[in-house]
Amino acid sequence: MRLDPKPVTSQPGEGVASLYVVLGDELLLVTEATDRIRAHAKDQGYIAREIFTIDQRFEWINLFHWGRQSSLFSERRILDLRIPSGKPGREGSMIIEKFCQHLPRDTVTIVTLPEIDKQGRASKWFKAFERTGRITEIKPVRRDQLPHWIKQRLGQQKQTTDRDTLQFFADKVEGNLLAAHQEIKKLGLLYPVGKLTFEQIRNAILDVTRFDVLQLPEAMLTADMVRYNRILEGLQGEGVAPPLILAILSEQIRLLIKIHLTKNSSRGMTLEQAMAALRVWPSRQKLIAGIFHRTHYQLLVRALLQAAAIDRMIKGVTKGDIWEALLKLGMYFAVDDNRCKAIERNSFLFTINLSLK
């Protein structure tokens, strides 16, 4: 059964379910949803709590044994089962099916999962969750929805502001809901209820752009040059060190190269298997897959060589405008192959010693 996260506690006196499943990639919203469920369970007398985080070392039989042992006690408990990979594996799938068939007594089980793809939703273990539990699916807040989301959150603490300021706020947090949440809470502490001015919000969130450097690779790899340029200019204005920026961008380029090499190293290996082998977070696999299909190996190698050229500038081996070079690095993902080659031919920024190859 499916439901929206809010109705979990919408009915006063409503009983608690034996199994809740919360899935989504937005950590803040998932955490808030599970917090509401736990609070509702606590009101019903479920106090003790056990947390199982599923990783490669986890022994699934422990979950089965825990379920059987818990039925021997009268204490009401909460089982917090976290599956960050979203893929329990063969053994885990079988244990989940058996667990759902015999849910432990006096226990509220809360399962958290990332967003599950079509294949995962068709699996027996997920179908078992659907048949037995109440599923709360957390949808991400799109960039164009963020100003309205901020408006709603401000409204919860009885504060408002104008549309332009909301857009400014959204631009500064660059889609990072956790950063936005922290800044909204700070505004609630700094200012009384009522309408907030642009100056008040600007002064309160000036340091929120510390998150921008982590958003830069996504803007580059998705060929969003307007956003990439805006973030890069902001980092330059704040005095963020170019070596840090280059390291973060280069890491993503190397990851894509490794995915190409890993996938091609074994006949029949799927892209999903290659990403799993390189431990790409499930929440990023959809983004990385889209970039993988849009780029090719030779382009990535040339981009990495451009990064090597920038590194030589930073170290003083060659001369050049480092910030312009970082901007041109992003352009490799925004233009076609022929224009990439033109950038290399016409720019002194791509003068790289053959030894780097």
Foldseek 3Di string as FASTA:
>chain_A
DEDALPVQPVDPPDDAAQEEEEEADQVVVSVVSVVVNVVRVVVVQADAEDEDEDDPPDDLVVVVVVLVVLLVDPHQHEYEYEDQQLDLPDVNLVSLLVCLVRPHPSYRYYYYYYDDDPVSCPDPSNVSCVVRYYYHYDDAQDLVRQLVVLQVLLVVLQEHEDSVLSNVLSLQLVSRVVLSNVLSVVLSVPDHHYYDYSVSSCVSCVPNNVCLLVVLLLCLLVLVLVSNVVNLVVCVVVVPDLVVSLVNNLVLLVLLLQLVCQQVVDPPDDSVNSCVVVPPRPSCSVSSVVSSVLDDNVLSVLLNLLSVLLVCCSVVVDDDDSSVSVSVSSVSNNDDPVVNVVCCVPDPSNPGDPVVD
